[in-house]
Amino acid sequence: MSFCHIKLKKTDETDEYVRYRIYSFDFNKEHKWEQFGIIQIEKKAGTYKHLDSQLWEKNKIYPIELFETPVEKRRELAYGKYKESASGQWAMNVFNFIIQSLETRAFPDEKDLIS
């Protein structure tokens, strides 16, 4: 695929966390927006949880957590444990959104991540 299409929609926010549903149309023939994950950003702790990743795993997308690792270790994992995975573009875009949101303390209601 030449493009990565992601839409994040906020579903819940408290003082402690903000939760987003992750959508894409890149994984079905009809090109319909389909939920393929949920992330919860822990505001105070500065961390996140990837809560629902069944479609993520089904479509063999690198896990978001891969982008927390140093580059050399990431390469080792990408060519080893995750060698059957299709791409890291979706995970990298979501990871970058998480980091940017935590750094700026901005948690938009909706965000399109297209690359």
PDB file of N, CA and C in Angstrom:
ATOM      1  N   MET A   1       0.844  -1.181   0.000  1.00  0.00           N
ATOM      2  CA  MET A   1       0.000   0.000   0.000  1.00  0.00           C
ATOM      3  C   MET A   1       0.887   1.241   0.000  1.00  0.00           C
ATOM      4  N   SER A   2       0.476   2.193  -0.747  1.00  0.00           N
ATOM      5  CA  SER A   2       1.302   3.378  -0.845  1.00  0.00           C
ATOM      6  C   SER A   2       0.949   4.437   0.187  1.00  0.00           C
ATOM      7  N   PHE A   3      -0.226   4.323   0.768  1.00  0.00           N
ATOM      8  CA  PHE A   3      -0.635   5.306   1.759  1.00  0.00           C
ATOM      9  C   PHE A   3      -1.153   4.611   3.006  1.00  0.00           C
ATOM     10  N   CYS A   4      -1.055   5.321   4.088  1.00  0.00           N
ATOM     11  CA  CYS A   4      -1.559   4.864   5.383  1.00  0.00           C
ATOM     12  C   CYS A   4      -2.655   5.848   5.773  1.00  0.00           C
ATOM     13  N   HIS A   5      -3.862   5.352   5.951  1.00  0.00           N
ATOM     14  CA  HIS A   5      -5.004   6.194   6.298  1.00  0.00           C
ATOM     15  C   HIS A   5      -5.491   5.823   7.687  1.00  0.00           C
ATOM     16  N   ILE A   6      -5.379   6.747   8.600  1.00  0.00           N
ATOM     17  CA  ILE A   6      -5.802   6.507   9.978  1.00  0.00           C
ATOM     18  C   ILE A   6      -6.653   7.681  10.438  1.00  0.00           C
ATOM     19  N   LYS A   7      -7.698   7.356  11.151  1.00  0.00           N
ATOM     20  CA  LYS A   7      -8.536   8.372  11.785  1.00  0.00           C
ATOM     21  C   LYS A   7      -8.644   7.980  13.252  1.00  0.00           C
ATOM     22  N   LEU A   8      -8.350   8.916  14.121  1.00  0.00           N
ATOM     23  CA  LEU A   8      -8.489   8.708  15.559  1.00  0.00           C
ATOM     24  C   LEU A   8      -9.691   9.506  16.041  1.00  0.00           C
ATOM     25  N   LYS A   9     -10.554   8.856  16.814  1.00  0.00           N
ATOM     26  CA  LYS A   9     -11.722   9.540  17.371  1.00  0.00           C
ATOM     27  C   LYS A   9     -11.734   9.353  18.881  1.00  0.00           C
ATOM     28  N   LYS A  10     -11.769  10.474  19.576  1.00  0.00           N
ATOM     29  CA  LYS A  10     -11.815  10.435  21.034  1.00  0.00           C
ATOM     30  C   LYS A  10     -13.158   9.892  21.488  1.00  0.00           C
ATOM     31  N   THR A  11     -13.106   8.937  22.414  1.00  0.00           N
ATOM     32  CA  THR A  11     -14.349   8.356  22.927  1.00  0.00           C
ATOM     33  C   THR A  11     -14.559   8.640  24.400  1.00  0.00           C
ATOM     34  N   ASP A  12     -13.494   8.990  25.107  1.00  0.00           N
ATOM     35  CA  ASP A  12     -13.602   9.192  26.548  1.00  0.00           C
ATOM     36  C   ASP A  12     -12.416  10.020  27.018  1.00  0.00           C
ATOM     37  N   GLU A  13     -12.651  10.922  27.974  1.00  0.00           N
ATOM     38  CA  GLU A  13     -11.559  11.706  28.546  1.00  0.00           C
ATOM     39  C   GLU A  13     -11.860  12.018  30.002  1.00  0.00           C
ATOM     40  N   THR A  14     -10.862  11.817  30.834  1.00  0.00           N
ATOM     41  CA  THR A  14     -10.923  12.176  32.248  1.00  0.00           C
ATOM     42  C   THR A  14      -9.654  12.959  32.568  1.00  0.00           C
ATOM     43  N   ASP A  15      -9.485  13.321  33.826  1.00  0.00           N
ATOM     44  CA  ASP A  15      -8.237  13.969  34.240  1.00  0.00           C
ATOM     45  C   ASP A  15      -7.055  13.017  34.115  1.00  0.00           C
ATOM     46  N   GLU A  16      -7.331  11.728  34.188  1.00  0.00           N
ATOM     47  CA  GLU A  16      -6.278  10.701  34.170  1.00  0.00           C
ATOM     48  C   GLU A  16      -5.897  10.233  32.772  1.00  0.00           C
ATOM     49  N   TYR A  17      -6.879  10.100  31.889  1.00  0.00           N
ATOM     50  CA  TYR A  17      -6.597   9.501  30.581  1.00  0.00           C
ATOM     51  C   TYR A  17      -7.510  10.050  29.493  1.00  0.00           C
ATOM     52  N   VAL A  18      -7.132   9.757  28.259  1.00  0.00           N
ATOM     53  CA  VAL A  18      -7.980  10.010  27.092  1.00  0.00           C
ATOM     54  C   VAL A  18      -7.926   8.745  26.235  1.00  0.00           C
ATOM     55  N   ARG A  19      -9.080   8.364  25.716  1.00  0.00           N
ATOM     56  CA  ARG A  19      -9.172   7.123  24.950  1.00  0.00           C
ATOM     57  C   ARG A  19      -9.617   7.450  23.517  1.00  0.00           C
ATOM     58  N   TYR A  20      -8.958   6.782  22.570  1.00  0.00           N
ATOM     59  CA  TYR A  20      -9.269   6.962  21.151  1.00  0.00           C
ATOM     60  C   TYR A  20      -9.538   5.618  20.487  1.00  0.00           C
ATOM     61  N   ARG A  21     -10.499   5.608  19.579  1.00  0.00           N
ATOM     62  CA  ARG A  21     -10.694   4.476  18.674  1.00  0.00           C
ATOM     63  C   ARG A  21      -9.858   4.771  17.430  1.00  0.00           C
ATOM     64  N   ILE A  22      -9.222   3.740  16.896  1.00  0.00           N
ATOM     65  CA  ILE A  22      -8.371   3.874  15.710  1.00  0.00           C
ATOM     66  C   ILE A  22      -9.099   3.244  14.535  1.00  0.00           C
ATOM     67  N   TYR A  23      -9.252   4.011  13.454  1.00  0.00           N
ATOM     68  CA  TYR A  23      -9.942   3.538  12.257  1.00  0.00           C
ATOM     69  C   TYR A  23      -9.021   3.628  11.039  1.00  0.00           C
ATOM     70  N   SER A  24      -9.245   2.743  10.079  1.00  0.00           N
ATOM     71  CA  SER A  24      -8.577   2.812   8.785  1.00  0.00           C
ATOM     72  C   SER A  24      -9.457   2.105   7.759  1.00  0.00           C
ATOM     73  N   PHE A  25      -9.275   2.454   6.490  1.00  0.00           N
ATOM     74  CA  PHE A  25      -9.962   1.709   5.430  1.00  0.00           C
ATOM     75  C   PHE A  25      -8.966   0.927   4.583  1.00  0.00           C
ATOM     76  N   ASP A  26      -7.741   0.834   5.053  1.00  0.00           N
ATOM     77  CA  ASP A  26      -6.677   0.175   4.301  1.00  0.00           C
ATOM     78  C   ASP A  26      -6.727  -1.346   4.355  1.00  0.00           C
ATOM     79  N   PHE A  27      -7.586  -1.908   5.176  1.00  0.00           N
ATOM     80  CA  PHE A  27      -7.553  -3.351   5.405  1.00  0.00           C
ATOM     81  C   PHE A  27      -8.804  -4.094   4.964  1.00  0.00           C
ATOM     82  N   ASN A  28      -9.615  -3.452   4.140  1.00  0.00           N
ATOM     83  CA  ASN A  28     -10.767  -4.166   3.595  1.00  0.00           C
ATOM     84  C   ASN A  28     -10.967  -3.754   2.148  1.00  0.00           C
ATOM     85  N   LYS A  29     -11.503  -4.659   1.369  1.00  0.00           N
ATOM     86  CA  LYS A  29     -11.662  -4.448  -0.077  1.00  0.00           C
ATOM     87  C   LYS A  29     -12.661  -3.345  -0.409  1.00  0.00           C
ATOM     88  N   GLU A  30     -13.606  -3.119   0.478  1.00  0.00           N
ATOM     89  CA  GLU A  30     -14.633  -2.108   0.245  1.00  0.00           C
ATOM     90  C   GLU A  30     -14.129  -0.695   0.554  1.00  0.00           C
ATOM     91  N   HIS A  31     -12.970  -0.580   1.137  1.00  0.00           N
ATOM     92  CA  HIS A  31     -12.401   0.715   1.553  1.00  0.00           C
ATOM     93  C   HIS A  31     -13.357   1.483   2.460  1.00  0.00           C
ATOM     94  N   LYS A  32     -13.931   0.752   3.414  1.00  0.00           N
ATOM     95  CA  LYS A  32     -14.799   1.373   4.422  1.00  0.00           C
ATOM     96  C   LYS A  32     -13.986   1.570   5.692  1.00  0.00           C
ATOM     97  N   TRP A  33     -14.234   2.687   6.365  1.00  0.00           N
ATOM     98  CA  TRP A  33     -13.560   2.929   7.635  1.00  0.00           C
ATOM     99  C   TRP A  33     -13.949   1.821   8.604  1.00  0.00           C
ATOM    100  N   GLU A  34     -12.937   1.205   9.204  1.00  0.00           N
ATOM    101  CA  GLU A  34     -13.134   0.072  10.097  1.00  0.00           C
ATOM    102  C   GLU A  34     -12.268   0.281  11.341  1.00  0.00           C
ATOM    103  N   GLN A  35     -12.842   0.042  12.487  1.00  0.00           N
ATOM    104  CA  GLN A  35     -12.058   0.159  13.717  1.00  0.00           C
ATOM    105  C   GLN A  35     -11.050  -0.980  13.777  1.00  0.00           C
ATOM    106  N   PHE A  36      -9.799  -0.637  14.056  1.00  0.00           N
ATOM    107  CA  PHE A  36      -8.814  -1.705  14.204  1.00  0.00           C
ATOM    108  C   PHE A  36      -7.958  -1.532  15.444  1.00  0.00           C
ATOM    109  N   GLY A  37      -8.429  -0.742  16.382  1.00  0.00           N
ATOM    110  CA  GLY A  37      -7.711  -0.640  17.635  1.00  0.00           C
ATOM    111  C   GLY A  37      -8.270   0.451  18.528  1.00  0.00           C
ATOM    112  N   ILE A  38      -7.835   0.428  19.777  1.00  0.00           N
ATOM    113  CA  ILE A  38      -8.165   1.456  20.762  1.00  0.00           C
ATOM    114  C   ILE A  38      -6.890   1.759  21.530  1.00  0.00           C
ATOM    115  N   ILE A  39      -6.615   3.039  21.712  1.00  0.00           N
ATOM    116  CA  ILE A  39      -5.493   3.421  22.572  1.00  0.00           C
ATOM    117  C   ILE A  39      -6.031   4.252  23.727  1.00  0.00           C
ATOM    118  N   GLN A  40      -5.372   4.113  24.838  1.00  0.00           N
ATOM    119  CA  GLN A  40      -5.677   4.932  26.006  1.00  0.00           C
ATOM    120  C   GLN A  40      -4.384   5.623  26.405  1.00  0.00           C
ATOM    121  N   ILE A  41      -4.390   6.941  26.350  1.00  0.00           N
ATOM    122  CA  ILE A  41      -3.220   7.735  26.724  1.00  0.00           C
ATOM    123  C   ILE A  41      -3.375   8.145  28.181  1.00  0.00           C
ATOM    124  N   GLU A  42      -2.426   7.731  28.980  1.00  0.00           N
ATOM    125  CA  GLU A  42      -2.428   8.062  30.411  1.00  0.00           C
ATOM    126  C   GLU A  42      -1.752   9.418  30.573  1.00  0.00           C
ATOM    127  N   LYS A  43      -2.547  10.456  30.800  1.00  0.00           N
ATOM    128  CA  LYS A  43      -2.044  11.828  30.829  1.00  0.00           C
ATOM    129  C   LYS A  43      -0.991  12.057  31.909  1.00  0.00           C
ATOM    130  N   LYS A  44      -1.307  11.707  33.126  1.00  0.00           N
ATOM    131  CA  LYS A  44      -0.397  11.988  34.248  1.00  0.00           C
ATOM    132  C   LYS A  44       0.841  11.106  34.220  1.00  0.00           C
ATOM    133  N   ALA A  45       0.663   9.854  33.865  1.00  0.00           N
ATOM    134  CA  ALA A  45       1.797   8.916  33.842  1.00  0.00           C
ATOM    135  C   ALA A  45       2.666   9.097  32.599  1.00  0.00           C
ATOM    136  N   GLY A  46       2.107   9.713  31.553  1.00  0.00           N
ATOM    137  CA  GLY A  46       2.860   9.904  30.321  1.00  0.00           C
ATOM    138  C   GLY A  46       3.076   8.596  29.563  1.00  0.00           C
ATOM    139  N   THR A  47       2.111   7.687  29.672  1.00  0.00           N
ATOM    140  CA  THR A  47       2.212   6.390  29.010  1.00  0.00           C
ATOM    141  C   THR A  47       0.940   6.148  28.201  1.00  0.00           C
ATOM    142  N   TYR A  48       0.853   4.976  27.616  1.00  0.00           N
ATOM    143  CA  TYR A  48      -0.343   4.609  26.858  1.00  0.00           C
ATOM    144  C   TYR A  48      -0.548   3.110  26.946  1.00  0.00           C
ATOM    145  N   LYS A  49      -1.766   2.712  26.587  1.00  0.00           N
ATOM    146  CA  LYS A  49      -2.115   1.293  26.500  1.00  0.00           C
ATOM    147  C   LYS A  49      -2.782   1.073  25.140  1.00  0.00           C
ATOM    148  N   HIS A  50      -2.422  -0.003  24.488  1.00  0.00           N
ATOM    149  CA  HIS A  50      -3.091  -0.394  23.238  1.00  0.00           C
ATOM    150  C   HIS A  50      -4.109  -1.450  23.654  1.00  0.00           C
ATOM    151  N   LEU A  51      -5.375  -1.067  23.735  1.00  0.00           N
ATOM    152  CA  LEU A  51      -6.393  -1.896  24.375  1.00  0.00           C
ATOM    153  C   LEU A  51      -7.012  -2.960  23.481  1.00  0.00           C
ATOM    154  N   ASP A  52      -7.337  -2.626  22.271  1.00  0.00           N
ATOM    155  CA  ASP A  52      -8.016  -3.584  21.395  1.00  0.00           C
ATOM    156  C   ASP A  52      -7.207  -3.705  20.122  1.00  0.00           C
ATOM    157  N   SER A  53      -6.505  -4.792  19.987  1.00  0.00           N
ATOM    158  CA  SER A  53      -5.598  -4.910  18.851  1.00  0.00           C
ATOM    159  C   SER A  53      -5.851  -6.150  18.003  1.00  0.00           C
ATOM    160  N   GLN A  54      -7.049  -6.707  18.063  1.00  0.00           N
ATOM    161  CA  GLN A  54      -7.331  -7.929  17.299  1.00  0.00           C
ATOM    162  C   GLN A  54      -7.174  -7.716  15.793  1.00  0.00           C
ATOM    163  N   LEU A  55      -7.779  -6.659  15.244  1.00  0.00           N
ATOM    164  CA  LEU A  55      -7.631  -6.400  13.814  1.00  0.00           C
ATOM    165  C   LEU A  55      -6.208  -5.964  13.481  1.00  0.00           C
ATOM    166  N   TRP A  56      -5.565  -5.326  14.426  1.00  0.00           N
ATOM    167  CA  TRP A  56      -4.162  -4.924  14.275  1.00  0.00           C
ATOM    168  C   TRP A  56      -3.324  -6.178  14.034  1.00  0.00           C
ATOM    169  N   GLU A  57      -3.525  -7.161  14.895  1.00  0.00           N
ATOM    170  CA  GLU A  57      -2.779  -8.418  14.793  1.00  0.00           C
ATOM    171  C   GLU A  57      -3.202  -9.202  13.550  1.00  0.00           C
ATOM    172  N   LYS A  58      -4.494  -9.244  13.259  1.00  0.00           N
ATOM    173  CA  LYS A  58      -4.998  -9.957  12.089  1.00  0.00           C
ATOM    174  C   LYS A  58      -4.359  -9.422  10.814  1.00  0.00           C
ATOM    175  N   ASN A  59      -4.158  -8.119  10.731  1.00  0.00           N
ATOM    176  CA  ASN A  59      -3.586  -7.498   9.541  1.00  0.00           C
ATOM    177  C   ASN A  59      -2.063  -7.398   9.589  1.00  0.00           C
ATOM    178  N   LYS A  60      -1.477  -8.010  10.605  1.00  0.00           N
ATOM    179  CA  LYS A  60      -0.014  -8.113  10.739  1.00  0.00           C
ATOM    180  C   LYS A  60       0.684  -6.756  10.688  1.00  0.00           C
ATOM    181  N   ILE A  61       0.171  -5.839  11.475  1.00  0.00           N
ATOM    182  CA  ILE A  61       0.785  -4.524  11.597  1.00  0.00           C
ATOM    183  C   ILE A  61       1.752  -4.587  12.776  1.00  0.00           C
ATOM    184  N   TYR A  62       2.904  -3.985  12.625  1.00  0.00           N
ATOM    185  CA  TYR A  62       3.847  -3.942  13.747  1.00  0.00           C
ATOM    186  C   TYR A  62       3.132  -3.367  14.969  1.00  0.00           C
ATOM    187  N   PRO A  63       3.443  -3.872  16.146  1.00  0.00           N
ATOM    188  CA  PRO A  63       2.814  -3.306  17.349  1.00  0.00           C
ATOM    189  C   PRO A  63       3.350  -1.894  17.623  1.00  0.00           C
ATOM    190  N   ILE A  64       2.505  -1.060  18.182  1.00  0.00           N
ATOM    191  CA  ILE A  64       2.897   0.315  18.507  1.00  0.00           C
ATOM    192  C   ILE A  64       4.132   0.314  19.408  1.00  0.00           C
ATOM    193  N   GLU A  65       4.199  -0.634  20.329  1.00  0.00           N
ATOM    194  CA  GLU A  65       5.280  -0.702  21.308  1.00  0.00           C
ATOM    195  C   GLU A  65       6.661  -0.845  20.647  1.00  0.00           C
ATOM    196  N   LEU A  66       6.685  -1.339  19.413  1.00  0.00           N
ATOM    197  CA  LEU A  66       7.956  -1.505  18.705  1.00  0.00           C
ATOM    198  C   LEU A  66       8.689  -0.175  18.585  1.00  0.00           C
ATOM    199  N   PHE A  67       7.965   0.913  18.474  1.00  0.00           N
ATOM    200  CA  PHE A  67       8.581   2.224  18.264  1.00  0.00           C
ATOM    201  C   PHE A  67       9.093   2.860  19.553  1.00  0.00           C
ATOM    202  N   GLU A  68       8.916   2.172  20.670  1.00  0.00           N
ATOM    203  CA  GLU A  68       9.515   2.617  21.935  1.00  0.00           C
ATOM    204  C   GLU A  68      10.955   2.134  22.062  1.00  0.00           C
ATOM    205  N   THR A  69      11.321   1.155  21.274  1.00  0.00           N
ATOM    206  CA  THR A  69      12.631   0.523  21.406  1.00  0.00           C
ATOM    207  C   THR A  69      13.689   1.291  20.620  1.00  0.00           C
ATOM    208  N   PRO A  70      14.961   1.201  21.034  1.00  0.00           N
ATOM    209  CA  PRO A  70      16.045   1.836  20.265  1.00  0.00           C
ATOM    210  C   PRO A  70      16.092   1.275  18.841  1.00  0.00           C
ATOM    211  N   VAL A  71      16.587   2.068  17.906  1.00  0.00           N
ATOM    212  CA  VAL A  71      16.563   1.721  16.487  1.00  0.00           C
ATOM    213  C   VAL A  71      17.182   0.354  16.203  1.00  0.00           C
ATOM    214  N   GLU A  72      18.332   0.053  16.768  1.00  0.00           N
ATOM    215  CA  GLU A  72      18.988  -1.232  16.491  1.00  0.00           C
ATOM    216  C   GLU A  72      18.123  -2.407  16.962  1.00  0.00           C
ATOM    217  N   LYS A  73      17.554  -2.291  18.140  1.00  0.00           N
ATOM    218  CA  LYS A  73      16.692  -3.349  18.670  1.00  0.00           C
ATOM    219  C   LYS A  73      15.422  -3.447  17.824  1.00  0.00           C
ATOM    220  N   ARG A  74      14.925  -2.305  17.380  1.00  0.00           N
ATOM    221  CA  ARG A  74      13.726  -2.274  16.544  1.00  0.00           C
ATOM    222  C   ARG A  74      13.974  -3.037  15.236  1.00  0.00           C
ATOM    223  N   ARG A  75      15.122  -2.816  14.626  1.00  0.00           N
ATOM    224  CA  ARG A  75      15.465  -3.540  13.393  1.00  0.00           C
ATOM    225  C   ARG A  75      15.533  -5.039  13.649  1.00  0.00           C
ATOM    226  N   GLU A  76      16.169  -5.393  14.751  1.00  0.00           N
ATOM    227  CA  GLU A  76      16.293  -6.815  15.114  1.00  0.00           C
ATOM    228  C   GLU A  76      14.906  -7.454  15.265  1.00  0.00           C
ATOM    229  N   LEU A  77      14.004  -6.771  15.943  1.00  0.00           N
ATOM    230  CA  LEU A  77      12.649  -7.286  16.125  1.00  0.00           C
ATOM    231  C   LEU A  77      11.875  -7.321  14.807  1.00  0.00           C
ATOM    232  N   ALA A  78      12.031  -6.274  13.994  1.00  0.00           N
ATOM    233  CA  ALA A  78      11.313  -6.200  12.719  1.00  0.00           C
ATOM    234  C   ALA A  78      11.713  -7.339  11.787  1.00  0.00           C
ATOM    235  N   TYR A  79      12.985  -7.683  11.777  1.00  0.00           N
ATOM    236  CA  TYR A  79      13.460  -8.753  10.893  1.00  0.00           C
ATOM    237  C   TYR A  79      13.450 -10.119  11.566  1.00  0.00           C
ATOM    238  N   GLY A  80      13.097 -10.148  12.838  1.00  0.00           N
ATOM    239  CA  GLY A  80      13.021 -11.403  13.581  1.00  0.00           C
ATOM    240  C   GLY A  80      11.590 -11.718  13.968  1.00  0.00           C
ATOM    241  N   LYS A  81      11.250 -11.331  15.180  1.00  0.00           N
ATOM    242  CA  LYS A  81       9.940 -11.646  15.741  1.00  0.00           C
ATOM    243  C   LYS A  81       8.775 -11.179  14.861  1.00  0.00           C
ATOM    244  N   TYR A  82       8.907 -10.020  14.231  1.00  0.00           N
ATOM    245  CA  TYR A  82       7.802  -9.447  13.445  1.00  0.00           C
ATOM    246  C   TYR A  82       8.048  -9.521  11.944  1.00  0.00           C
ATOM    247  N   LYS A  83       8.857 -10.456  11.480  1.00  0.00           N
ATOM    248  CA  LYS A  83       9.194 -10.516  10.057  1.00  0.00           C
ATOM    249  C   LYS A  83       7.983 -10.779   9.166  1.00  0.00           C
ATOM    250  N   GLU A  84       6.933 -11.361   9.714  1.00  0.00           N
ATOM    251  CA  GLU A  84       5.727 -11.612   8.932  1.00  0.00           C
ATOM    252  C   GLU A  84       4.801 -10.402   8.883  1.00  0.00           C
ATOM    253  N   SER A  85       5.140  -9.354   9.593  1.00  0.00           N
ATOM    254  CA  SER A  85       4.290  -8.164   9.633  1.00  0.00           C
ATOM    255  C   SER A  85       4.372  -7.389   8.330  1.00  0.00           C
ATOM    256  N   ALA A  86       3.268  -6.775   7.973  1.00  0.00           N
ATOM    257  CA  ALA A  86       3.163  -6.074   6.699  1.00  0.00           C
ATOM    258  C   ALA A  86       3.871  -4.719   6.707  1.00  0.00           C
ATOM    259  N   SER A  87       3.682  -3.947   7.752  1.00  0.00           N
ATOM    260  CA  SER A  87       4.220  -2.591   7.759  1.00  0.00           C
ATOM    261  C   SER A  87       4.207  -2.003   9.156  1.00  0.00           C
ATOM    262  N   GLY A  88       5.062  -1.055   9.364  1.00  0.00           N
ATOM    263  CA  GLY A  88       5.093  -0.335  10.626  1.00  0.00           C
ATOM    264  C   GLY A  88       4.542   1.067  10.506  1.00  0.00           C
ATOM    265  N   GLN A  89       4.116   1.436   9.299  1.00  0.00           N
ATOM    266  CA  GLN A  89       3.666   2.797   9.076  1.00  0.00           C
ATOM    267  C   GLN A  89       2.482   3.176   9.963  1.00  0.00           C
ATOM    268  N   TRP A  90       1.522   2.296  10.116  1.00  0.00           N
ATOM    269  CA  TRP A  90       0.345   2.583  10.944  1.00  0.00           C
ATOM    270  C   TRP A  90       0.767   2.753  12.398  1.00  0.00           C
ATOM    271  N   ALA A  91       1.571   1.830  12.899  1.00  0.00           N
ATOM    272  CA  ALA A  91       2.027   1.892  14.295  1.00  0.00           C
ATOM    273  C   ALA A  91       2.870   3.144  14.542  1.00  0.00           C
ATOM    274  N   MET A  92       3.765   3.456  13.606  1.00  0.00           N
ATOM    275  CA  MET A  92       4.619   4.624  13.774  1.00  0.00           C
ATOM    276  C   MET A  92       3.785   5.905  13.825  1.00  0.00           C
ATOM    277  N   ASN A  93       2.782   6.012  12.960  1.00  0.00           N
ATOM    278  CA  ASN A  93       1.936   7.212  12.958  1.00  0.00           C
ATOM    279  C   ASN A  93       1.165   7.353  14.269  1.00  0.00           C
ATOM    280  N   VAL A  94       0.614   6.263  14.772  1.00  0.00           N
ATOM    281  CA  VAL A  94      -0.126   6.314  16.036  1.00  0.00           C
ATOM    282  C   VAL A  94       0.832   6.626  17.187  1.00  0.00           C
ATOM    283  N   PHE A  95       1.999   5.997  17.193  1.00  0.00           N
ATOM    284  CA  PHE A  95       2.990   6.258  18.243  1.00  0.00           C
ATOM    285  C   PHE A  95       3.385   7.740  18.239  1.00  0.00           C
ATOM    286  N   ASN A  96       3.646   8.296  17.063  1.00  0.00           N
ATOM    287  CA  ASN A  96       4.013   9.715  16.981  1.00  0.00           C
ATOM    288  C   ASN A  96       2.885  10.615  17.467  1.00  0.00           C
ATOM    289  N   PHE A  97       1.638  10.253  17.186  1.00  0.00           N
ATOM    290  CA  PHE A  97       0.499  11.012  17.693  1.00  0.00           C
ATOM    291  C   PHE A  97       0.477  10.983  19.228  1.00  0.00           C
ATOM    292  N   ILE A  98       0.704   9.816  19.796  1.00  0.00           N
ATOM    293  CA  ILE A  98       0.715   9.680  21.260  1.00  0.00           C
ATOM    294  C   ILE A  98       1.785  10.579  21.870  1.00  0.00           C
ATOM    295  N   ILE A  99       2.996  10.489  21.342  1.00  0.00           N
ATOM    296  CA  ILE A  99       4.115  11.280  21.875  1.00  0.00           C
ATOM    297  C   ILE A  99       3.830  12.774  21.740  1.00  0.00           C
ATOM    298  N   GLN A 100       3.365  13.197  20.574  1.00  0.00           N
ATOM    299  CA  GLN A 100       3.057  14.608  20.364  1.00  0.00           C
ATOM    300  C   GLN A 100       1.952  15.086  21.313  1.00  0.00           C
ATOM    301  N   SER A 101       0.926  14.271  21.496  1.00  0.00           N
ATOM    302  CA  SER A 101      -0.171  14.642  22.398  1.00  0.00           C
ATOM    303  C   SER A 101       0.322  14.803  23.830  1.00  0.00           C
ATOM    304  N   LEU A 102       1.168  13.889  24.273  1.00  0.00           N
ATOM    305  CA  LEU A 102       1.704  13.986  25.629  1.00  0.00           C
ATOM    306  C   LEU A 102       2.609  15.202  25.795  1.00  0.00           C
ATOM    307  N   GLU A 103       3.407  15.492  24.776  1.00  0.00           N
ATOM    308  CA  GLU A 103       4.324  16.638  24.857  1.00  0.00           C
ATOM    309  C   GLU A 103       3.581  17.968  24.838  1.00  0.00           C
ATOM    310  N   THR A 104       2.547  18.078  24.012  1.00  0.00           N
ATOM    311  CA  THR A 104       1.826  19.348  23.870  1.00  0.00           C
ATOM    312  C   THR A 104       0.628  19.461  24.801  1.00  0.00           C
ATOM    313  N   ARG A 105       0.238  18.315  25.400  1.00  0.00           N
ATOM    314  CA  ARG A 105      -0.946  18.250  26.257  1.00  0.00           C
ATOM    315  C   ARG A 105      -2.204  18.598  25.466  1.00  0.00           C
ATOM    316  N   ALA A 106      -2.166  18.369  24.167  1.00  0.00           N
ATOM    317  CA  ALA A 106      -3.311  18.605  23.293  1.00  0.00           C
ATOM    318  C   ALA A 106      -3.903  17.254  22.902  1.00  0.00           C
ATOM    319  N   PHE A 107      -5.176  17.082  23.166  1.00  0.00           N
ATOM    320  CA  PHE A 107      -5.874  15.827  22.890  1.00  0.00           C
ATOM    321  C   PHE A 107      -7.121  16.132  22.058  1.00  0.00           C
ATOM    322  N   PRO A 108      -6.947  16.249  20.736  1.00  0.00           N
ATOM    323  CA  PRO A 108      -8.069  16.642  19.879  1.00  0.00           C
ATOM    324  C   PRO A 108      -9.186  15.608  19.880  1.00  0.00           C
ATOM    325  N   ASP A 109     -10.394  16.059  19.550  1.00  0.00           N
ATOM    326  CA  ASP A 109     -11.542  15.158  19.473  1.00  0.00           C
ATOM    327  C   ASP A 109     -11.386  14.153  18.335  1.00  0.00           C
ATOM    328  N   GLU A 110     -10.744  14.600  17.268  1.00  0.00           N
ATOM    329  CA  GLU A 110     -10.561  13.753  16.092  1.00  0.00           C
ATOM    330  C   GLU A 110      -9.265  14.145  15.411  1.00  0.00           C
ATOM    331  N   LYS A 111      -8.584  13.166  14.849  1.00  0.00           N
ATOM    332  CA  LYS A 111      -7.315  13.450  14.164  1.00  0.00           C
ATOM    333  C   LYS A 111      -7.160  12.497  12.987  1.00  0.00           C
ATOM    334  N   ASP A 112      -6.860  13.060  11.818  1.00  0.00           N
ATOM    335  CA  ASP A 112      -6.543  12.245  10.645  1.00  0.00           C
ATOM    336  C   ASP A 112      -5.026  12.133  10.532  1.00  0.00           C
ATOM    337  N   LEU A 113      -4.561  10.905  10.346  1.00  0.00           N
ATOM    338  CA  LEU A 113      -3.136  10.651  10.167  1.00  0.00           C
ATOM    339  C   LEU A 113      -2.975   9.965   8.811  1.00  0.00           C
ATOM    340  N   ILE A 114      -2.630  10.722   7.812  1.00  0.00           N
ATOM    341  CA  ILE A 114      -2.485  10.173   6.469  1.00  0.00           C
ATOM    342  C   ILE A 114      -1.051  10.396   6.026  1.00  0.00           C
ATOM    343  N   SER A 115      -0.434   9.316   5.612  1.00  0.00           N
ATOM    344  CA  SER A 115       0.947   9.436   5.131  1.00  0.00           C
ATOM    345  C   SER A 115       1.156   8.542   3.937  1.00  0.00           C
TER     346      SER A 115
END
